[in-house]
Amino acid sequence: MFDRLKDLIVNELGLEENQVSLDTDFFNDLHCDSLEVIELVNSMEEEFELEEVPEEALATFRTVGDLVKYLEDITEE
């Protein structure tokens, strides 16, 4: 799960693979703004064939690990 998401983040944000870990903070480490995170989540929805991520969940995404946990939680259901 992490590797697929990492590849998506690297491609979407034009990063090097070593810049992305579970602890990478979108705002502090990658200097993303809210719109970039929303666009990234939209790409994640397409990549993982998800329904739209609720706004309440969007507000909790600060790190790559937050996204991985969200994906793991919803795919277990």
PDB file of N, CA and C in Angstrom:
ATOM      1  N   MET A   1       0.836  -1.192   0.000  1.00  0.00           N
ATOM      2  CA  MET A   1       0.000   0.000   0.000  1.00  0.00           C
ATOM      3  C   MET A   1       0.881   1.257   0.000  1.00  0.00           C
ATOM      4  N   PHE A   2       1.858   1.284   0.928  1.00  0.00           N
ATOM      5  CA  PHE A   2       2.731   2.456   1.029  1.00  0.00           C
ATOM      6  C   PHE A   2       3.496   2.685  -0.273  1.00  0.00           C
ATOM      7  N   ASP A   3       4.024   1.618  -0.864  1.00  0.00           N
ATOM      8  CA  ASP A   3       4.832   1.775  -2.078  1.00  0.00           C
ATOM      9  C   ASP A   3       4.016   2.349  -3.230  1.00  0.00           C
ATOM     10  N   ARG A   4       2.793   1.890  -3.376  1.00  0.00           N
ATOM     11  CA  ARG A   4       1.929   2.422  -4.439  1.00  0.00           C
ATOM     12  C   ARG A   4       1.620   3.893  -4.205  1.00  0.00           C
ATOM     13  N   LEU A   5       1.307   4.218  -2.965  1.00  0.00           N
ATOM     14  CA  LEU A   5       0.993   5.603  -2.621  1.00  0.00           C
ATOM     15  C   LEU A   5       2.230   6.488  -2.769  1.00  0.00           C
ATOM     16  N   LYS A   6       3.371   5.969  -2.359  1.00  0.00           N
ATOM     17  CA  LYS A   6       4.622   6.710  -2.495  1.00  0.00           C
ATOM     18  C   LYS A   6       4.901   7.038  -3.961  1.00  0.00           C
ATOM     19  N   ASP A   7       4.734   6.055  -4.845  1.00  0.00           N
ATOM     20  CA  ASP A   7       4.938   6.287  -6.280  1.00  0.00           C
ATOM     21  C   ASP A   7       3.999   7.374  -6.795  1.00  0.00           C
ATOM     22  N   LEU A   8       2.763   7.338  -6.346  1.00  0.00           N
ATOM     23  CA  LEU A   8       1.781   8.341  -6.753  1.00  0.00           C
ATOM     24  C   LEU A   8       2.209   9.732  -6.302  1.00  0.00           C
ATOM     25  N   ILE A   9       2.634   9.846  -5.044  1.00  0.00           N
ATOM     26  CA  ILE A   9       3.053  11.137  -4.489  1.00  0.00           C
ATOM     27  C   ILE A   9       4.285  11.664  -5.226  1.00  0.00           C
ATOM     28  N   VAL A  10       5.258  10.795  -5.459  1.00  0.00           N
ATOM     29  CA  VAL A  10       6.483  11.182  -6.167  1.00  0.00           C
ATOM     30  C   VAL A  10       6.142  11.720  -7.559  1.00  0.00           C
ATOM     31  N   ASN A  11       5.260  11.016  -8.265  1.00  0.00           N
ATOM     32  CA  ASN A  11       4.890  11.434  -9.618  1.00  0.00           C
ATOM     33  C   ASN A  11       4.055  12.707  -9.617  1.00  0.00           C
ATOM     34  N   GLU A  12       3.095  12.794  -8.728  1.00  0.00           N
ATOM     35  CA  GLU A  12       2.201  13.963  -8.693  1.00  0.00           C
ATOM     36  C   GLU A  12       2.938  15.241  -8.290  1.00  0.00           C
ATOM     37  N   LEU A  13       3.843  15.126  -7.316  1.00  0.00           N
ATOM     38  CA  LEU A  13       4.504  16.312  -6.781  1.00  0.00           C
ATOM     39  C   LEU A  13       5.906  16.532  -7.336  1.00  0.00           C
ATOM     40  N   GLY A  14       6.369  15.637  -8.219  1.00  0.00           N
ATOM     41  CA  GLY A  14       7.687  15.791  -8.826  1.00  0.00           C
ATOM     42  C   GLY A  14       8.817  15.686  -7.818  1.00  0.00           C
ATOM     43  N   LEU A  15       8.738  14.680  -6.955  1.00  0.00           N
ATOM     44  CA  LEU A  15       9.723  14.505  -5.886  1.00  0.00           C
ATOM     45  C   LEU A  15      10.656  13.346  -6.182  1.00  0.00           C
ATOM     46  N   GLU A  16      11.702  13.237  -5.384  1.00  0.00           N
ATOM     47  CA  GLU A  16      12.573  12.071  -5.391  1.00  0.00           C
ATOM     48  C   GLU A  16      11.998  11.069  -4.391  1.00  0.00           C
ATOM     49  N   GLU A  17      12.192   9.782  -4.647  1.00  0.00           N
ATOM     50  CA  GLU A  17      11.640   8.758  -3.756  1.00  0.00           C
ATOM     51  C   GLU A  17      12.112   8.904  -2.315  1.00  0.00           C
ATOM     52  N   ASN A  18      13.350   9.347  -2.111  1.00  0.00           N
ATOM     53  CA  ASN A  18      13.885   9.450  -0.750  1.00  0.00           C
ATOM     54  C   ASN A  18      13.276  10.615   0.023  1.00  0.00           C
ATOM     55  N   GLN A  19      12.450  11.427  -0.627  1.00  0.00           N
ATOM     56  CA  GLN A  19      11.794  12.535   0.057  1.00  0.00           C
ATOM     57  C   GLN A  19      10.481  12.115   0.703  1.00  0.00           C
ATOM     58  N   VAL A  20      10.045  10.881   0.442  1.00  0.00           N
ATOM     59  CA  VAL A  20       8.730  10.437   0.917  1.00  0.00           C
ATOM     60  C   VAL A  20       8.882   9.230   1.834  1.00  0.00           C
ATOM     61  N   SER A  21       8.416   9.396   3.074  1.00  0.00           N
ATOM     62  CA  SER A  21       8.360   8.301   4.042  1.00  0.00           C
ATOM     63  C   SER A  21       7.008   8.389   4.739  1.00  0.00           C
ATOM     64  N   LEU A  22       6.727   7.454   5.619  1.00  0.00           N
ATOM     65  CA  LEU A  22       5.462   7.488   6.364  1.00  0.00           C
ATOM     66  C   LEU A  22       5.343   8.755   7.209  1.00  0.00           C
ATOM     67  N   ASP A  23       6.469   9.276   7.669  1.00  0.00           N
ATOM     68  CA  ASP A  23       6.465  10.454   8.539  1.00  0.00           C
ATOM     69  C   ASP A  23       6.505  11.778   7.778  1.00  0.00           C
ATOM     70  N   THR A  24       6.598  11.725   6.461  1.00  0.00           N
ATOM     71  CA  THR A  24       6.674  12.959   5.677  1.00  0.00           C
ATOM     72  C   THR A  24       5.391  13.764   5.848  1.00  0.00           C
ATOM     73  N   ASP A  25       5.557  15.021   6.269  1.00  0.00           N
ATOM     74  CA  ASP A  25       4.436  15.938   6.480  1.00  0.00           C
ATOM     75  C   ASP A  25       4.220  16.738   5.192  1.00  0.00           C
ATOM     76  N   PHE A  26       2.995  16.693   4.681  1.00  0.00           N
ATOM     77  CA  PHE A  26       2.705  17.389   3.417  1.00  0.00           C
ATOM     78  C   PHE A  26       2.957  18.886   3.517  1.00  0.00           C
ATOM     79  N   PHE A  27       2.640  19.460   4.651  1.00  0.00           N
ATOM     80  CA  PHE A  27       2.717  20.909   4.799  1.00  0.00           C
ATOM     81  C   PHE A  27       4.120  21.379   5.207  1.00  0.00           C
ATOM     82  N   ASN A  28       4.697  20.747   6.216  1.00  0.00           N
ATOM     83  CA  ASN A  28       5.999  21.191   6.717  1.00  0.00           C
ATOM     84  C   ASN A  28       7.178  20.677   5.895  1.00  0.00           C
ATOM     85  N   ASP A  29       7.118  19.421   5.478  1.00  0.00           N
ATOM     86  CA  ASP A  29       8.251  18.829   4.744  1.00  0.00           C
ATOM     87  C   ASP A  29       8.184  19.083   3.240  1.00  0.00           C
ATOM     88  N   LEU A  30       6.989  18.964   2.677  1.00  0.00           N
ATOM     89  CA  LEU A  30       6.847  19.092   1.225  1.00  0.00           C
ATOM     90  C   LEU A  30       6.308  20.450   0.799  1.00  0.00           C
ATOM     91  N   HIS A  31       5.947  21.261   1.776  1.00  0.00           N
ATOM     92  CA  HIS A  31       5.448  22.626   1.527  1.00  0.00           C
ATOM     93  C   HIS A  31       4.247  22.660   0.584  1.00  0.00           C
ATOM     94  N   CYS A  32       3.358  21.680   0.750  1.00  0.00           N
ATOM     95  CA  CYS A  32       2.121  21.640  -0.032  1.00  0.00           C
ATOM     96  C   CYS A  32       1.106  22.598   0.582  1.00  0.00           C
ATOM     97  N   ASP A  33       0.210  23.076  -0.259  1.00  0.00           N
ATOM     98  CA  ASP A  33      -0.917  23.817   0.276  1.00  0.00           C
ATOM     99  C   ASP A  33      -2.131  22.877   0.266  1.00  0.00           C
ATOM    100  N   SER A  34      -3.234  23.338   0.811  1.00  0.00           N
ATOM    101  CA  SER A  34      -4.429  22.496   0.927  1.00  0.00           C
ATOM    102  C   SER A  34      -4.909  21.995  -0.427  1.00  0.00           C
ATOM    103  N   LEU A  35      -4.842  22.847  -1.440  1.00  0.00           N
ATOM    104  CA  LEU A  35      -5.286  22.456  -2.774  1.00  0.00           C
ATOM    105  C   LEU A  35      -4.443  21.310  -3.333  1.00  0.00           C
ATOM    106  N   GLU A  36      -3.147  21.360  -3.116  1.00  0.00           N
ATOM    107  CA  GLU A  36      -2.272  20.278  -3.592  1.00  0.00           C
ATOM    108  C   GLU A  36      -2.601  18.958  -2.901  1.00  0.00           C
ATOM    109  N   VAL A  37      -2.913  19.025  -1.624  1.00  0.00           N
ATOM    110  CA  VAL A  37      -3.279  17.803  -0.896  1.00  0.00           C
ATOM    111  C   VAL A  37      -4.602  17.261  -1.440  1.00  0.00           C
ATOM    112  N   ILE A  38      -5.548  18.136  -1.713  1.00  0.00           N
ATOM    113  CA  ILE A  38      -6.835  17.700  -2.273  1.00  0.00           C
ATOM    114  C   ILE A  38      -6.623  17.070  -3.645  1.00  0.00           C
ATOM    115  N   GLU A  39      -5.788  17.662  -4.470  1.00  0.00           N
ATOM    116  CA  GLU A  39      -5.495  17.093  -5.792  1.00  0.00           C
ATOM    117  C   GLU A  39      -4.817  15.729  -5.658  1.00  0.00           C
ATOM    118  N   LEU A  40      -3.942  15.608  -4.685  1.00  0.00           N
ATOM    119  CA  LEU A  40      -3.276  14.339  -4.430  1.00  0.00           C
ATOM    120  C   LEU A  40      -4.294  13.275  -3.993  1.00  0.00           C
ATOM    121  N   VAL A  41      -5.215  13.660  -3.133  1.00  0.00           N
ATOM    122  CA  VAL A  41      -6.253  12.725  -2.681  1.00  0.00           C
ATOM    123  C   VAL A  41      -7.145  12.333  -3.862  1.00  0.00           C
ATOM    124  N   ASN A  42      -7.442  13.266  -4.753  1.00  0.00           N
ATOM    125  CA  ASN A  42      -8.226  12.935  -5.950  1.00  0.00           C
ATOM    126  C   ASN A  42      -7.507  11.892  -6.801  1.00  0.00           C
ATOM    127  N   SER A  43      -6.217  12.046  -6.957  1.00  0.00           N
ATOM    128  CA  SER A  43      -5.424  11.063  -7.706  1.00  0.00           C
ATOM    129  C   SER A  43      -5.418   9.716  -6.991  1.00  0.00           C
ATOM    130  N   MET A  44      -5.349   9.772  -5.659  1.00  0.00           N
ATOM    131  CA  MET A  44      -5.380   8.544  -4.861  1.00  0.00           C
ATOM    132  C   MET A  44      -6.715   7.833  -5.052  1.00  0.00           C
ATOM    133  N   GLU A  45      -7.811   8.591  -5.099  1.00  0.00           N
ATOM    134  CA  GLU A  45      -9.132   7.986  -5.314  1.00  0.00           C
ATOM    135  C   GLU A  45      -9.162   7.238  -6.647  1.00  0.00           C
ATOM    136  N   GLU A  46      -8.594   7.839  -7.680  1.00  0.00           N
ATOM    137  CA  GLU A  46      -8.553   7.198  -8.996  1.00  0.00           C
ATOM    138  C   GLU A  46      -7.654   5.957  -8.981  1.00  0.00           C
ATOM    139  N   GLU A  47      -6.455   6.122  -8.428  1.00  0.00           N
ATOM    140  CA  GLU A  47      -5.474   5.026  -8.406  1.00  0.00           C
ATOM    141  C   GLU A  47      -5.999   3.798  -7.662  1.00  0.00           C
ATOM    142  N   PHE A  48      -6.651   4.017  -6.541  1.00  0.00           N
ATOM    143  CA  PHE A  48      -7.111   2.915  -5.700  1.00  0.00           C
ATOM    144  C   PHE A  48      -8.599   2.609  -5.907  1.00  0.00           C
ATOM    145  N   GLU A  49      -9.208   3.268  -6.907  1.00  0.00           N
ATOM    146  CA  GLU A  49     -10.617   3.054  -7.248  1.00  0.00           C
ATOM    147  C   GLU A  49     -11.519   3.206  -6.025  1.00  0.00           C
ATOM    148  N   LEU A  50     -11.393   4.369  -5.372  1.00  0.00           N
ATOM    149  CA  LEU A  50     -12.160   4.666  -4.167  1.00  0.00           C
ATOM    150  C   LEU A  50     -13.318   5.595  -4.479  1.00  0.00           C
ATOM    151  N   GLU A  51     -14.296   5.563  -3.594  1.00  0.00           N
ATOM    152  CA  GLU A  51     -15.335   6.580  -3.652  1.00  0.00           C
ATOM    153  C   GLU A  51     -14.730   7.864  -3.099  1.00  0.00           C
ATOM    154  N   GLU A  52     -15.434   8.956  -3.256  1.00  0.00           N
ATOM    155  CA  GLU A  52     -14.916  10.247  -2.810  1.00  0.00           C
ATOM    156  C   GLU A  52     -14.606  10.238  -1.311  1.00  0.00           C
ATOM    157  N   VAL A  53     -13.430  10.727  -0.966  1.00  0.00           N
ATOM    158  CA  VAL A  53     -13.007  10.808   0.431  1.00  0.00           C
ATOM    159  C   VAL A  53     -13.799  11.933   1.104  1.00  0.00           C
ATOM    160  N   PRO A  54     -14.444  11.640   2.247  1.00  0.00           N
ATOM    161  CA  PRO A  54     -15.227  12.672   2.932  1.00  0.00           C
ATOM    162  C   PRO A  54     -14.359  13.838   3.407  1.00  0.00           C
ATOM    163  N   GLU A  55     -14.956  15.032   3.433  1.00  0.00           N
ATOM    164  CA  GLU A  55     -14.225  16.228   3.866  1.00  0.00           C
ATOM    165  C   GLU A  55     -13.657  16.082   5.272  1.00  0.00           C
ATOM    166  N   GLU A  56     -14.395  15.392   6.148  1.00  0.00           N
ATOM    167  CA  GLU A  56     -13.899  15.202   7.523  1.00  0.00           C
ATOM    168  C   GLU A  56     -12.570  14.449   7.513  1.00  0.00           C
ATOM    169  N   ALA A  57     -12.441  13.489   6.613  1.00  0.00           N
ATOM    170  CA  ALA A  57     -11.199  12.717   6.515  1.00  0.00           C
ATOM    171  C   ALA A  57     -10.082  13.576   5.941  1.00  0.00           C
ATOM    172  N   LEU A  58     -10.410  14.405   4.952  1.00  0.00           N
ATOM    173  CA  LEU A  58      -9.397  15.280   4.351  1.00  0.00           C
ATOM    174  C   LEU A  58      -8.694  16.131   5.394  1.00  0.00           C
ATOM    175  N   ALA A  59      -9.443  16.587   6.364  1.00  0.00           N
ATOM    176  CA  ALA A  59      -8.884  17.462   7.397  1.00  0.00           C
ATOM    177  C   ALA A  59      -7.873  16.745   8.286  1.00  0.00           C
ATOM    178  N   THR A  60      -7.866  15.414   8.270  1.00  0.00           N
ATOM    179  CA  THR A  60      -6.958  14.665   9.140  1.00  0.00           C
ATOM    180  C   THR A  60      -5.653  14.273   8.458  1.00  0.00           C
ATOM    181  N   PHE A  61      -5.529  14.538   7.154  1.00  0.00           N
ATOM    182  CA  PHE A  61      -4.340  14.128   6.407  1.00  0.00           C
ATOM    183  C   PHE A  61      -3.225  15.156   6.539  1.00  0.00           C
ATOM    184  N   ARG A  62      -2.232  14.849   7.367  1.00  0.00           N
ATOM    185  CA  ARG A  62      -1.046  15.709   7.496  1.00  0.00           C
ATOM    186  C   ARG A  62       0.199  15.004   6.968  1.00  0.00           C
ATOM    187  N   THR A  63       0.253  13.699   7.167  1.00  0.00           N
ATOM    188  CA  THR A  63       1.443  12.945   6.764  1.00  0.00           C
ATOM    189  C   THR A  63       1.071  11.854   5.761  1.00  0.00           C
ATOM    190  N   VAL A  64       2.093  11.323   5.117  1.00  0.00           N
ATOM    191  CA  VAL A  64       1.893  10.193   4.217  1.00  0.00           C
ATOM    192  C   VAL A  64       1.315   9.021   5.001  1.00  0.00           C
ATOM    193  N   GLY A  65       1.776   8.840   6.218  1.00  0.00           N
ATOM    194  CA  GLY A  65       1.259   7.768   7.077  1.00  0.00           C
ATOM    195  C   GLY A  65      -0.233   7.899   7.334  1.00  0.00           C
ATOM    196  N   ASP A  66      -0.724   9.138   7.437  1.00  0.00           N
ATOM    197  CA  ASP A  66      -2.166   9.351   7.618  1.00  0.00           C
ATOM    198  C   ASP A  66      -2.947   8.807   6.421  1.00  0.00           C
ATOM    199  N   LEU A  67      -2.428   9.042   5.232  1.00  0.00           N
ATOM    200  CA  LEU A  67      -3.092   8.526   4.030  1.00  0.00           C
ATOM    201  C   LEU A  67      -3.035   7.003   3.971  1.00  0.00           C
ATOM    202  N   VAL A  68      -1.892   6.436   4.320  1.00  0.00           N
ATOM    203  CA  VAL A  68      -1.748   4.978   4.315  1.00  0.00           C
ATOM    204  C   VAL A  68      -2.732   4.357   5.307  1.00  0.00           C
ATOM    205  N   LYS A  69      -2.815   4.921   6.501  1.00  0.00           N
ATOM    206  CA  LYS A  69      -3.747   4.401   7.514  1.00  0.00           C
ATOM    207  C   LYS A  69      -5.182   4.493   7.014  1.00  0.00           C
ATOM    208  N   TYR A  70      -5.540   5.609   6.405  1.00  0.00           N
ATOM    209  CA  TYR A  70      -6.894   5.772   5.866  1.00  0.00           C
ATOM    210  C   TYR A  70      -7.171   4.685   4.824  1.00  0.00           C
ATOM    211  N   LEU A  71      -6.236   4.477   3.909  1.00  0.00           N
ATOM    212  CA  LEU A  71      -6.412   3.455   2.871  1.00  0.00           C
ATOM    213  C   LEU A  71      -6.560   2.071   3.481  1.00  0.00           C
ATOM    214  N   GLU A  72      -5.725   1.768   4.457  1.00  0.00           N
ATOM    215  CA  GLU A  72      -5.806   0.450   5.098  1.00  0.00           C
ATOM    216  C   GLU A  72      -7.141   0.278   5.821  1.00  0.00           C
ATOM    217  N   ASP A  73      -7.596   1.332   6.486  1.00  0.00           N
ATOM    218  CA  ASP A  73      -8.869   1.248   7.216  1.00  0.00           C
ATOM    219  C   ASP A  73     -10.055   1.042   6.287  1.00  0.00           C
ATOM    220  N   ILE A  74     -10.103   1.763   5.174  1.00  0.00           N
ATOM    221  CA  ILE A  74     -11.278   1.631   4.307  1.00  0.00           C
ATOM    222  C   ILE A  74     -11.231   0.381   3.430  1.00  0.00           C
ATOM    223  N   THR A  75     -10.038  -0.146   3.167  1.00  0.00           N
ATOM    224  CA  THR A  75      -9.978  -1.363   2.342  1.00  0.00           C
ATOM    225  C   THR A  75     -10.214  -2.616   3.159  1.00  0.00           C
ATOM    226  N   GLU A  76     -10.169  -2.502   4.494  1.00  0.00           N
ATOM    227  CA  GLU A  76     -10.469  -3.644   5.364  1.00  0.00           C
ATOM    228  C   GLU A  76     -11.962  -3.885   5.461  1.00  0.00           C
ATOM    229  N   GLU A  77     -12.748  -2.837   5.205  1.00  0.00           N
ATOM    230  CA  GLU A  77     -14.204  -2.944   5.370  1.00  0.00           C
ATOM    231  C   GLU A  77     -14.817  -3.864   4.356  1.00  0.00           C
TER     232      GLU A  77
END
